[in-house]
Every structure is written in structure tokens, then in C-alpha cells.
Full PDB file with SEQRES, HELIX, SHEET, SSBOND, CRYST1, ORIGX, SCALE, CONECT and MASTER records, all heavy atoms in Angstrom:
SEQRES   1 A   35  LYS TYR PHE ARG ASN TYR LEU THR GLU ASP TYR TRP THR          
SEQRES   2 A   35  MET TYR LYS SER THR TYR SER ASN CYS GLU LYS GLU VAL          
SEQRES   3 A   35  PHE TRP MET SER ILE PHE ALA ALA CYS                          
HELIX    1 AA1 PHE A    3  TYR A    6  1                                   4    
HELIX    2 AA2 GLU A    9  LYS A   16  1                                   8    
HELIX    3 AA3 LYS A   24  ALA A   34  1                                  11    
CRYST1    1.000    1.000    1.000  90.00  90.00  90.00 P 1           1          
ORIGX1      1.000000  0.000000  0.000000        0.00000                         
ORIGX2      0.000000  1.000000  0.000000        0.00000                         
ORIGX3      0.000000  0.000000  1.000000        0.00000                         
SCALE1      1.000000  0.000000  0.000000        0.00000                         
SCALE2      0.000000  1.000000  0.000000        0.00000                         
SCALE3      0.000000  0.000000  1.000000        0.00000                         
ATOM      1  N   LYS A   1       0.805  -1.228   0.000  1.00  0.00           N  
ATOM      2  CA  LYS A   1       0.000   0.000   0.000  1.00  0.00           C  
ATOM      3  C   LYS A   1       0.834   1.274   0.000  1.00  0.00           C  
ATOM      4  O   LYS A   1       0.306   2.346  -0.319  1.00  0.00           O  
ATOM      5  CB  LYS A   1      -0.972  -0.002   1.175  1.00  0.00           C  
ATOM      6  CG  LYS A   1      -0.340   0.013   2.559  1.00  0.00           C  
ATOM      7  CD  LYS A   1      -1.425  -0.026   3.622  1.00  0.00           C  
ATOM      8  CE  LYS A   1      -0.859  -0.007   5.034  1.00  0.00           C  
ATOM      9  NZ  LYS A   1      -1.933  -0.048   6.054  1.00  0.00           N  
ATOM     10  N   TYR A   2       2.122   1.173   0.314  1.00  0.00           N  
ATOM     11  CA  TYR A   2       2.987   2.357   0.281  1.00  0.00           C  
ATOM     12  C   TYR A   2       3.890   2.401  -0.948  1.00  0.00           C  
ATOM     13  O   TYR A   2       4.794   3.240  -1.026  1.00  0.00           O  
ATOM     14  CB  TYR A   2       3.862   2.415   1.543  1.00  0.00           C  
ATOM     15  CG  TYR A   2       3.086   2.516   2.838  1.00  0.00           C  
ATOM     16  CD1 TYR A   2       3.568   1.922   4.008  1.00  0.00           C  
ATOM     17  CD2 TYR A   2       1.874   3.194   2.907  1.00  0.00           C  
ATOM     18  CE1 TYR A   2       2.862   2.001   5.194  1.00  0.00           C  
ATOM     19  CE2 TYR A   2       1.159   3.272   4.086  1.00  0.00           C  
ATOM     20  CZ  TYR A   2       1.661   2.676   5.232  1.00  0.00           C  
ATOM     21  OH  TYR A   2       0.963   2.760   6.415  1.00  0.00           O  
ATOM     22  N   PHE A   3       3.658   1.530  -1.925  1.00  0.00           N  
ATOM     23  CA  PHE A   3       4.486   1.538  -3.134  1.00  0.00           C  
ATOM     24  C   PHE A   3       4.564   2.936  -3.750  1.00  0.00           C  
ATOM     25  O   PHE A   3       5.624   3.381  -4.179  1.00  0.00           O  
ATOM     26  CB  PHE A   3       3.936   0.569  -4.184  1.00  0.00           C  
ATOM     27  CG  PHE A   3       4.261  -0.888  -3.928  1.00  0.00           C  
ATOM     28  CD1 PHE A   3       3.737  -1.877  -4.756  1.00  0.00           C  
ATOM     29  CD2 PHE A   3       5.090  -1.277  -2.890  1.00  0.00           C  
ATOM     30  CE1 PHE A   3       4.038  -3.210  -4.543  1.00  0.00           C  
ATOM     31  CE2 PHE A   3       5.391  -2.617  -2.656  1.00  0.00           C  
ATOM     32  CZ  PHE A   3       4.855  -3.577  -3.491  1.00  0.00           C  
ATOM     33  N   ARG A   4       3.428   3.601  -3.822  1.00  0.00           N  
ATOM     34  CA  ARG A   4       3.375   4.916  -4.467  1.00  0.00           C  
ATOM     35  C   ARG A   4       4.302   5.913  -3.783  1.00  0.00           C  
ATOM     36  O   ARG A   4       4.831   6.823  -4.421  1.00  0.00           O  
ATOM     37  CB  ARG A   4       1.936   5.449  -4.452  1.00  0.00           C  
ATOM     38  CG  ARG A   4       1.766   6.772  -5.184  1.00  0.00           C  
ATOM     39  CD  ARG A   4       0.335   7.217  -5.201  1.00  0.00           C  
ATOM     40  NE  ARG A   4      -0.177   7.489  -3.859  1.00  0.00           N  
ATOM     41  CZ  ARG A   4      -1.379   7.992  -3.609  1.00  0.00           C  
ATOM     42  NH1 ARG A   4      -2.220   8.239  -4.606  1.00  0.00           N  
ATOM     43  NH2 ARG A   4      -1.766   8.208  -2.367  1.00  0.00           N  
ATOM     44  N   ASN A   5       4.507   5.739  -2.467  1.00  0.00           N  
ATOM     45  CA  ASN A   5       5.360   6.667  -1.725  1.00  0.00           C  
ATOM     46  C   ASN A   5       6.833   6.531  -2.077  1.00  0.00           C  
ATOM     47  O   ASN A   5       7.599   7.486  -1.905  1.00  0.00           O  
ATOM     48  CB  ASN A   5       5.194   6.453  -0.219  1.00  0.00           C  
ATOM     49  CG  ASN A   5       3.776   6.698   0.260  1.00  0.00           C  
ATOM     50  OD1 ASN A   5       2.971   7.284  -0.447  1.00  0.00           O  
ATOM     51  ND2 ASN A   5       3.466   6.226   1.448  1.00  0.00           N  
ATOM     52  N   TYR A   6       7.241   5.356  -2.547  1.00  0.00           N  
ATOM     53  CA  TYR A   6       8.658   5.077  -2.720  1.00  0.00           C  
ATOM     54  C   TYR A   6       9.104   4.889  -4.166  1.00  0.00           C  
ATOM     55  O   TYR A   6      10.277   5.064  -4.478  1.00  0.00           O  
ATOM     56  CB  TYR A   6       9.039   3.824  -1.920  1.00  0.00           C  
ATOM     57  CG  TYR A   6       8.858   3.988  -0.431  1.00  0.00           C  
ATOM     58  CD1 TYR A   6       7.914   3.243   0.270  1.00  0.00           C  
ATOM     59  CD2 TYR A   6       9.631   4.900   0.287  1.00  0.00           C  
ATOM     60  CE1 TYR A   6       7.755   3.393   1.646  1.00  0.00           C  
ATOM     61  CE2 TYR A   6       9.475   5.056   1.655  1.00  0.00           C  
ATOM     62  CZ  TYR A   6       8.534   4.290   2.318  1.00  0.00           C  
ATOM     63  OH  TYR A   6       8.375   4.464   3.678  1.00  0.00           O  
ATOM     64  N   LEU A   7       8.197   4.499  -5.049  1.00  0.00           N  
ATOM     65  CA  LEU A   7       8.557   4.344  -6.450  1.00  0.00           C  
ATOM     66  C   LEU A   7       8.728   5.712  -7.111  1.00  0.00           C  
ATOM     67  O   LEU A   7       8.107   6.697  -6.702  1.00  0.00           O  
ATOM     68  CB  LEU A   7       7.475   3.558  -7.202  1.00  0.00           C  
ATOM     69  CG  LEU A   7       7.387   2.063  -6.905  1.00  0.00           C  
ATOM     70  CD1 LEU A   7       6.168   1.466  -7.591  1.00  0.00           C  
ATOM     71  CD2 LEU A   7       8.651   1.329  -7.334  1.00  0.00           C  
ATOM     72  N   THR A   8       9.565   5.769  -8.145  1.00  0.00           N  
ATOM     73  CA  THR A   8       9.655   7.000  -8.931  1.00  0.00           C  
ATOM     74  C   THR A   8       8.330   7.217  -9.650  1.00  0.00           C  
ATOM     75  O   THR A   8       7.512   6.290  -9.784  1.00  0.00           O  
ATOM     76  CB  THR A   8      10.777   6.903  -9.973  1.00  0.00           C  
ATOM     77  OG1 THR A   8      10.437   5.868 -10.924  1.00  0.00           O  
ATOM     78  CG2 THR A   8      12.114   6.575  -9.318  1.00  0.00           C  
ATOM     79  N   GLU A   9       8.110   8.409 -10.128  1.00  0.00           N  
ATOM     80  CA  GLU A   9       6.856   8.703 -10.823  1.00  0.00           C  
ATOM     81  C   GLU A   9       6.685   7.814 -12.049  1.00  0.00           C  
ATOM     82  O   GLU A   9       5.586   7.314 -12.316  1.00  0.00           O  
ATOM     83  CB  GLU A   9       6.836  10.181 -11.234  1.00  0.00           C  
ATOM     84  CG  GLU A   9       5.523  10.625 -11.870  1.00  0.00           C  
ATOM     85  CD  GLU A   9       5.480  12.113 -12.176  1.00  0.00           C  
ATOM     86  OE1 GLU A   9       6.318  12.847 -11.629  1.00  0.00           O  
ATOM     87  OE2 GLU A   9       4.610  12.525 -12.966  1.00  0.00           O  
ATOM     88  N   ASP A  10       7.785   7.599 -12.782  1.00  0.00           N  
ATOM     89  CA  ASP A  10       7.709   6.745 -13.975  1.00  0.00           C  
ATOM     90  C   ASP A  10       7.390   5.304 -13.609  1.00  0.00           C  
ATOM     91  O   ASP A  10       6.559   4.651 -14.271  1.00  0.00           O  
ATOM     92  CB  ASP A  10       9.025   6.797 -14.748  1.00  0.00           C  
ATOM     93  CG  ASP A  10       9.219   8.121 -15.469  1.00  0.00           C  
ATOM     94  OD1 ASP A  10       8.234   8.864 -15.622  1.00  0.00           O  
ATOM     95  OD2 ASP A  10      10.359   8.404 -15.876  1.00  0.00           O  
ATOM     96  N   TYR A  11       8.037   4.800 -12.568  1.00  0.00           N  
ATOM     97  CA  TYR A  11       7.775   3.421 -12.163  1.00  0.00           C  
ATOM     98  C   TYR A  11       6.349   3.266 -11.625  1.00  0.00           C  
ATOM     99  O   TYR A  11       5.715   2.232 -11.846  1.00  0.00           O  
ATOM    100  CB  TYR A  11       8.789   2.972 -11.120  1.00  0.00           C  
ATOM    101  CG  TYR A  11      10.129   2.547 -11.694  1.00  0.00           C  
ATOM    102  CD1 TYR A  11      11.277   2.507 -10.906  1.00  0.00           C  
ATOM    103  CD2 TYR A  11      10.240   2.159 -13.027  1.00  0.00           C  
ATOM    104  CE1 TYR A  11      12.501   2.108 -11.435  1.00  0.00           C  
ATOM    105  CE2 TYR A  11      11.456   1.763 -13.565  1.00  0.00           C  
ATOM    106  CZ  TYR A  11      12.578   1.738 -12.762  1.00  0.00           C  
ATOM    107  OH  TYR A  11      13.791   1.340 -13.284  1.00  0.00           O  
ATOM    108  N   TRP A  12       5.874   4.249 -10.912  1.00  0.00           N  
ATOM    109  CA  TRP A  12       4.503   4.163 -10.402  1.00  0.00           C  
ATOM    110  C   TRP A  12       3.504   4.159 -11.560  1.00  0.00           C  
ATOM    111  O   TRP A  12       2.521   3.420 -11.538  1.00  0.00           O  
ATOM    112  CB  TRP A  12       4.214   5.308  -9.436  1.00  0.00           C  
ATOM    113  CG  TRP A  12       2.801   5.319  -8.931  1.00  0.00           C  
ATOM    114  CD1 TRP A  12       1.861   6.284  -9.105  1.00  0.00           C  
ATOM    115  CD2 TRP A  12       2.146   4.292  -8.163  1.00  0.00           C  
ATOM    116  NE1 TRP A  12       0.677   5.937  -8.509  1.00  0.00           N  
ATOM    117  CE2 TRP A  12       0.823   4.717  -7.922  1.00  0.00           C  
ATOM    118  CE3 TRP A  12       2.566   3.059  -7.661  1.00  0.00           C  
ATOM    119  CZ2 TRP A  12      -0.079   3.951  -7.200  1.00  0.00           C  
ATOM    120  CZ3 TRP A  12       1.650   2.289  -6.943  1.00  0.00           C  
ATOM    121  CH2 TRP A  12       0.351   2.743  -6.717  1.00  0.00           C  
ATOM    122  N   THR A  13       3.757   4.964 -12.581  1.00  0.00           N  
ATOM    123  CA  THR A  13       2.893   4.970 -13.758  1.00  0.00           C  
ATOM    124  C   THR A  13       2.921   3.601 -14.439  1.00  0.00           C  
ATOM    125  O   THR A  13       1.876   3.070 -14.844  1.00  0.00           O  
ATOM    126  CB  THR A  13       3.346   6.054 -14.757  1.00  0.00           C  
ATOM    127  OG1 THR A  13       3.251   7.339 -14.125  1.00  0.00           O  
ATOM    128  CG2 THR A  13       2.484   6.044 -16.002  1.00  0.00           C  
ATOM    129  N   MET A  14       4.107   3.006 -14.536  1.00  0.00           N  
ATOM    130  CA  MET A  14       4.220   1.675 -15.117  1.00  0.00           C  
ATOM    131  C   MET A  14       3.483   0.653 -14.271  1.00  0.00           C  
ATOM    132  O   MET A  14       2.798  -0.236 -14.794  1.00  0.00           O  
ATOM    133  CB  MET A  14       5.694   1.285 -15.249  1.00  0.00           C  
ATOM    134  CG  MET A  14       6.455   2.075 -16.294  1.00  0.00           C  
ATOM    135  SD  MET A  14       8.230   1.701 -16.282  1.00  0.00           S  
ATOM    136  CE  MET A  14       8.225   0.000 -16.837  1.00  0.00           C  
ATOM    137  N   TYR A  15       3.632   0.777 -12.953  1.00  0.00           N  
ATOM    138  CA  TYR A  15       2.971  -0.188 -12.067  1.00  0.00           C  
ATOM    139  C   TYR A  15       1.461  -0.121 -12.243  1.00  0.00           C  
ATOM    140  O   TYR A  15       0.781  -1.155 -12.325  1.00  0.00           O  
ATOM    141  CB  TYR A  15       3.351   0.076 -10.611  1.00  0.00           C  
ATOM    142  CG  TYR A  15       2.782  -0.947  -9.658  1.00  0.00           C  
ATOM    143  CD1 TYR A  15       3.407  -2.178  -9.471  1.00  0.00           C  
ATOM    144  CD2 TYR A  15       1.598  -0.711  -8.969  1.00  0.00           C  
ATOM    145  CE1 TYR A  15       2.872  -3.135  -8.625  1.00  0.00           C  
ATOM    146  CE2 TYR A  15       1.058  -1.658  -8.120  1.00  0.00           C  
ATOM    147  CZ  TYR A  15       1.698  -2.870  -7.953  1.00  0.00           C  
ATOM    148  OH  TYR A  15       1.158  -3.821  -7.118  1.00  0.00           O  
ATOM    149  N   LYS A  16       0.905   1.074 -12.305  1.00  0.00           N  
ATOM    150  CA  LYS A  16      -0.550   1.211 -12.476  1.00  0.00           C  
ATOM    151  C   LYS A  16      -1.013   0.581 -13.780  1.00  0.00           C  
ATOM    152  O   LYS A  16      -2.129   0.049 -13.851  1.00  0.00           O  
ATOM    153  CB  LYS A  16      -0.938   2.692 -12.434  1.00  0.00           C  
ATOM    154  CG  LYS A  16      -0.836   3.312 -11.062  1.00  0.00           C  
ATOM    155  CD  LYS A  16      -1.456   4.707 -11.023  1.00  0.00           C  
ATOM    156  CE  LYS A  16      -0.677   5.687 -11.852  1.00  0.00           C  
ATOM    157  NZ  LYS A  16      -1.262   7.063 -11.745  1.00  0.00           N  
ATOM    158  N   SER A  17      -0.164   0.631 -14.810  1.00  0.00           N  
ATOM    159  CA  SER A  17      -0.554   0.084 -16.104  1.00  0.00           C  
ATOM    160  C   SER A  17      -0.574  -1.443 -16.113  1.00  0.00           C  
ATOM    161  O   SER A  17      -1.020  -2.046 -17.090  1.00  0.00           O  
ATOM    162  CB  SER A  17       0.378   0.594 -17.206  1.00  0.00           C  
ATOM    163  OG  SER A  17       1.679   0.057 -17.072  1.00  0.00           O  
ATOM    164  N   THR A  18      -0.105  -2.088 -15.023  1.00  0.00           N  
ATOM    165  CA  THR A  18      -0.171  -3.552 -14.952  1.00  0.00           C  
ATOM    166  C   THR A  18      -1.555  -4.039 -14.540  1.00  0.00           C  
ATOM    167  O   THR A  18      -1.807  -5.241 -14.527  1.00  0.00           O  
ATOM    168  CB  THR A  18       0.872  -4.115 -13.966  1.00  0.00           C  
ATOM    169  OG1 THR A  18       0.549  -3.724 -12.632  1.00  0.00           O  
ATOM    170  CG2 THR A  18       2.266  -3.639 -14.325  1.00  0.00           C  
ATOM    171  N   TYR A  19      -2.446  -3.108 -14.207  1.00  0.00           N  
ATOM    172  CA  TYR A  19      -3.828  -3.468 -13.883  1.00  0.00           C  
ATOM    173  C   TYR A  19      -4.687  -3.308 -15.139  1.00  0.00           C  
ATOM    174  O   TYR A  19      -4.595  -2.309 -15.849  1.00  0.00           O  
ATOM    175  CB  TYR A  19      -4.370  -2.595 -12.760  1.00  0.00           C  
ATOM    176  CG  TYR A  19      -3.785  -2.938 -11.405  1.00  0.00           C  
ATOM    177  CD1 TYR A  19      -2.626  -2.323 -10.954  1.00  0.00           C  
ATOM    178  CD2 TYR A  19      -4.393  -3.896 -10.596  1.00  0.00           C  
ATOM    179  CE1 TYR A  19      -2.078  -2.649  -9.720  1.00  0.00           C  
ATOM    180  CE2 TYR A  19      -3.850  -4.228  -9.360  1.00  0.00           C  
ATOM    181  CZ  TYR A  19      -2.698  -3.596  -8.930  1.00  0.00           C  
ATOM    182  OH  TYR A  19      -2.161  -3.931  -7.705  1.00  0.00           O  
ATOM    183  N   SER A  20      -5.534  -4.291 -15.394  1.00  0.00           N  
ATOM    184  CA  SER A  20      -6.311  -4.274 -16.631  1.00  0.00           C  
ATOM    185  C   SER A  20      -7.783  -4.558 -16.339  1.00  0.00           C  
ATOM    186  O   SER A  20      -8.164  -4.873 -15.205  1.00  0.00           O  
ATOM    187  CB  SER A  20      -5.771  -5.326 -17.595  1.00  0.00           C  
ATOM    188  OG  SER A  20      -6.045  -6.634 -17.105  1.00  0.00           O  
ATOM    189  N   ASN A  21      -8.578  -4.483 -17.403  1.00  0.00           N  
ATOM    190  CA  ASN A  21      -9.966  -4.930 -17.313  1.00  0.00           C  
ATOM    191  C   ASN A  21     -10.075  -6.311 -17.956  1.00  0.00           C  
ATOM    192  O   ASN A  21      -9.069  -7.011 -18.090  1.00  0.00           O  
ATOM    193  CB  ASN A  21     -10.910  -3.910 -17.975  1.00  0.00           C  
ATOM    194  CG  ASN A  21     -10.540  -3.653 -19.429  1.00  0.00           C  
ATOM    195  OD1 ASN A  21      -9.945  -4.501 -20.098  1.00  0.00           O  
ATOM    196  ND2 ASN A  21     -10.895  -2.482 -19.934  1.00  0.00           N  
ATOM    197  N   CYS A  22     -11.268  -6.687 -18.376  1.00  0.00           N  
ATOM    198  CA  CYS A  22     -11.454  -8.037 -18.927  1.00  0.00           C  
ATOM    199  C   CYS A  22     -11.243  -8.093 -20.433  1.00  0.00           C  
ATOM    200  O   CYS A  22     -11.373  -9.172 -21.040  1.00  0.00           O  
ATOM    201  CB  CYS A  22     -12.844  -8.561 -18.571  1.00  0.00           C  
ATOM    202  SG  CYS A  22     -14.187  -7.551 -19.230  1.00  0.00           S  
ATOM    203  N   GLU A  23     -10.950  -6.952 -21.068  1.00  0.00           N  
ATOM    204  CA  GLU A  23     -10.733  -6.945 -22.514  1.00  0.00           C  
ATOM    205  C   GLU A  23      -9.376  -7.572 -22.845  1.00  0.00           C  
ATOM    206  O   GLU A  23      -8.359  -7.228 -22.247  1.00  0.00           O  
ATOM    207  CB  GLU A  23     -10.801  -5.522 -23.059  1.00  0.00           C  
ATOM    208  CG  GLU A  23     -12.150  -4.836 -22.854  1.00  0.00           C  
ATOM    209  CD  GLU A  23     -13.278  -5.560 -23.563  1.00  0.00           C  
ATOM    210  OE1 GLU A  23     -13.024  -6.109 -24.657  1.00  0.00           O  
ATOM    211  OE2 GLU A  23     -14.404  -5.574 -23.043  1.00  0.00           O  
ATOM    212  N   LYS A  24      -9.376  -8.468 -23.815  1.00  0.00           N  
ATOM    213  CA  LYS A  24      -8.163  -9.229 -24.139  1.00  0.00           C  
ATOM    214  C   LYS A  24      -6.988  -8.318 -24.498  1.00  0.00           C  
ATOM    215  O   LYS A  24      -5.861  -8.518 -24.013  1.00  0.00           O  
ATOM    216  CB  LYS A  24      -8.449 -10.195 -25.280  1.00  0.00           C  
ATOM    217  CG  LYS A  24      -7.286 -11.115 -25.609  1.00  0.00           C  
ATOM    218  CD  LYS A  24      -7.607 -12.041 -26.779  1.00  0.00           C  
ATOM    219  CE  LYS A  24      -8.723 -13.007 -26.433  1.00  0.00           C  
ATOM    220  NZ  LYS A  24      -8.945 -13.993 -27.536  1.00  0.00           N  
ATOM    221  N   GLU A  25      -7.221  -7.312 -25.332  1.00  0.00           N  
ATOM    222  CA  GLU A  25      -6.131  -6.441 -25.761  1.00  0.00           C  
ATOM    223  C   GLU A  25      -5.531  -5.673 -24.581  1.00  0.00           C  
ATOM    224  O   GLU A  25      -4.308  -5.552 -24.466  1.00  0.00           O  
ATOM    225  CB  GLU A  25      -6.643  -5.454 -26.823  1.00  0.00           C  
ATOM    226  CG  GLU A  25      -5.563  -4.536 -27.367  1.00  0.00           C  
ATOM    227  CD  GLU A  25      -6.072  -3.581 -28.439  1.00  0.00           C  
ATOM    228  OE1 GLU A  25      -7.215  -3.780 -28.920  1.00  0.00           O  
ATOM    229  OE2 GLU A  25      -5.340  -2.640 -28.799  1.00  0.00           O  
ATOM    230  N   VAL A  26      -6.398  -5.184 -23.699  1.00  0.00           N  
ATOM    231  CA  VAL A  26      -5.930  -4.444 -22.529  1.00  0.00           C  
ATOM    232  C   VAL A  26      -5.195  -5.383 -21.575  1.00  0.00           C  
ATOM    233  O   VAL A  26      -4.186  -5.000 -20.960  1.00  0.00           O  
ATOM    234  CB  VAL A  26      -7.111  -3.753 -21.816  1.00  0.00           C  
ATOM    235  CG1 VAL A  26      -6.636  -2.988 -20.582  1.00  0.00           C  
ATOM    236  CG2 VAL A  26      -7.830  -2.806 -22.768  1.00  0.00           C  
ATOM    237  N   PHE A  27      -5.684  -6.590 -21.451  1.00  0.00           N  
ATOM    238  CA  PHE A  27      -5.043  -7.594 -20.605  1.00  0.00           C  
ATOM    239  C   PHE A  27      -3.615  -7.847 -21.087  1.00  0.00           C  
ATOM    240  O   PHE A  27      -2.657  -7.861 -20.298  1.00  0.00           O  
ATOM    241  CB  PHE A  27      -5.869  -8.878 -20.619  1.00  0.00           C  
ATOM    242  CG  PHE A  27      -5.549  -9.860 -19.515  1.00  0.00           C  
ATOM    243  CD1 PHE A  27      -6.303 -11.025 -19.364  1.00  0.00           C  
ATOM    244  CD2 PHE A  27      -4.507  -9.648 -18.621  1.00  0.00           C  
ATOM    245  CE1 PHE A  27      -6.020 -11.946 -18.363  1.00  0.00           C  
ATOM    246  CE2 PHE A  27      -4.204 -10.561 -17.615  1.00  0.00           C  
ATOM    247  CZ  PHE A  27      -4.965 -11.703 -17.495  1.00  0.00           C  
ATOM    248  N   TRP A  28      -3.461  -8.030 -22.392  1.00  0.00           N  
ATOM    249  CA  TRP A  28      -2.123  -8.260 -22.933  1.00  0.00           C  
ATOM    250  C   TRP A  28      -1.200  -7.063 -22.686  1.00  0.00           C  
ATOM    251  O   TRP A  28      -0.019  -7.211 -22.367  1.00  0.00           O  
ATOM    252  CB  TRP A  28      -2.196  -8.572 -24.434  1.00  0.00           C  
ATOM    253  CG  TRP A  28      -2.449 -10.014 -24.738  1.00  0.00           C  
ATOM    254  CD1 TRP A  28      -3.575 -10.552 -25.292  1.00  0.00           C  
ATOM    255  CD2 TRP A  28      -1.562 -11.110 -24.514  1.00  0.00           C  
ATOM    256  NE1 TRP A  28      -3.453 -11.910 -25.413  1.00  0.00           N  
ATOM    257  CE2 TRP A  28      -2.211 -12.293 -24.955  1.00  0.00           C  
ATOM    258  CE3 TRP A  28      -0.278 -11.218 -23.985  1.00  0.00           C  
ATOM    259  CZ2 TRP A  28      -1.628 -13.548 -24.873  1.00  0.00           C  
ATOM    260  CZ3 TRP A  28       0.317 -12.476 -23.900  1.00  0.00           C  
ATOM    261  CH2 TRP A  28      -0.355 -13.618 -24.347  1.00  0.00           C  
ATOM    262  N   MET A  29      -1.739  -5.867 -22.820  1.00  0.00           N  
ATOM    263  CA  MET A  29      -0.935  -4.663 -22.565  1.00  0.00           C  
ATOM    264  C   MET A  29      -0.439  -4.646 -21.120  1.00  0.00           C  
ATOM    265  O   MET A  29       0.702  -4.284 -20.838  1.00  0.00           O  
ATOM    266  CB  MET A  29      -1.761  -3.411 -22.863  1.00  0.00           C  
ATOM    267  CG  MET A  29      -2.035  -3.174 -24.341  1.00  0.00           C  
ATOM    268  SD  MET A  29      -3.159  -1.782 -24.637  1.00  0.00           S  
ATOM    269  CE  MET A  29      -2.240  -0.432 -23.916  1.00  0.00           C  
ATOM    270  N   SER A  30      -1.300  -5.045 -20.198  1.00  0.00           N  
ATOM    271  CA  SER A  30      -0.909  -5.049 -18.782  1.00  0.00           C  
ATOM    272  C   SER A  30       0.157  -6.104 -18.511  1.00  0.00           C  
ATOM    273  O   SER A  30       1.046  -5.900 -17.679  1.00  0.00           O  
ATOM    274  CB  SER A  30      -2.137  -5.290 -17.892  1.00  0.00           C  
ATOM    275  OG  SER A  30      -2.595  -6.624 -17.979  1.00  0.00           O  
ATOM    276  N   ILE A  31       0.088  -7.224 -19.219  1.00  0.00           N  
ATOM    277  CA  ILE A  31       1.089  -8.279 -19.048  1.00  0.00           C  
ATOM    278  C   ILE A  31       2.462  -7.786 -19.491  1.00  0.00           C  
ATOM    279  O   ILE A  31       3.458  -7.934 -18.771  1.00  0.00           O  
ATOM    280  CB  ILE A  31       0.685  -9.534 -19.848  1.00  0.00           C  
ATOM    281  CG1 ILE A  31      -0.535 -10.199 -19.198  1.00  0.00           C  
ATOM    282  CG2 ILE A  31       1.849 -10.516 -19.943  1.00  0.00           C  
ATOM    283  CD1 ILE A  31      -1.158 -11.296 -20.042  1.00  0.00           C  
ATOM    284  N   PHE A  32       2.525  -7.163 -20.653  1.00  0.00           N  
ATOM    285  CA  PHE A  32       3.819  -6.683 -21.148  1.00  0.00           C  
ATOM    286  C   PHE A  32       4.319  -5.495 -20.325  1.00  0.00           C  
ATOM    287  O   PHE A  32       5.537  -5.316 -20.182  1.00  0.00           O  
ATOM    288  CB  PHE A  32       3.728  -6.344 -22.631  1.00  0.00           C  
ATOM    289  CG  PHE A  32       3.666  -7.566 -23.509  1.00  0.00           C  
ATOM    290  CD1 PHE A  32       2.530  -7.878 -24.233  1.00  0.00           C  
ATOM    291  CD2 PHE A  32       4.752  -8.421 -23.591  1.00  0.00           C  
ATOM    292  CE1 PHE A  32       2.476  -9.013 -25.024  1.00  0.00           C  
ATOM    293  CE2 PHE A  32       4.722  -9.565 -24.377  1.00  0.00           C  
ATOM    294  CZ  PHE A  32       3.572  -9.867 -25.100  1.00  0.00           C  
ATOM    295  N   ALA A  33       3.408  -4.715 -19.777  1.00  0.00           N  
ATOM    296  CA  ALA A  33       3.823  -3.639 -18.863  1.00  0.00           C  
ATOM    297  C   ALA A  33       4.467  -4.239 -17.620  1.00  0.00           C  
ATOM    298  O   ALA A  33       5.491  -3.738 -17.127  1.00  0.00           O  
ATOM    299  CB  ALA A  33       2.622  -2.777 -18.481  1.00  0.00           C  
ATOM    300  N   ALA A  34       3.883  -5.320 -17.111  1.00  0.00           N  
ATOM    301  CA  ALA A  34       4.448  -6.002 -15.939  1.00  0.00           C  
ATOM    302  C   ALA A  34       5.816  -6.569 -16.266  1.00  0.00           C  
ATOM    303  O   ALA A  34       6.744  -6.506 -15.445  1.00  0.00           O  
ATOM    304  CB  ALA A  34       3.510  -7.115 -15.472  1.00  0.00           C  
ATOM    305  N   CYS A  35       5.966  -7.116 -17.477  1.00  0.00           N  
ATOM    306  CA  CYS A  35       7.260  -7.673 -17.878  1.00  0.00           C  
ATOM    307  C   CYS A  35       8.333  -6.595 -17.928  1.00  0.00           C  
ATOM    308  O   CYS A  35       9.465  -6.801 -17.455  1.00  0.00           O  
ATOM    309  CB  CYS A  35       7.142  -8.338 -19.247  1.00  0.00           C  
ATOM    310  SG  CYS A  35       6.144  -9.842 -19.270  1.00  0.00           S  
TER     311      CYS A  35                                                      
MASTER        0    0    0    3    0    0    0    6  310    1    0    3          
END                                                                             
């Protein structure tokens, strides 16, 4: 819960992009963001 406090702004933006909805294309985007 404190990740946002310690990650750089760029890393926090990347971390948020690892969350997706149920759409296949968005899901794949979140997977590669996590990678």
C-alpha cells in the first residue's frame, strides 16, 4: 500500500498500467507492462 510513496513517478505509472480490465487487448498490454 505504500508503493506509491517510494517508487519513482515513472515506475509508479508503469505499475498502475499492470492493472487491466477483462478486454483481451488491454489484458495483454498489462502483461507486457508487468514484464
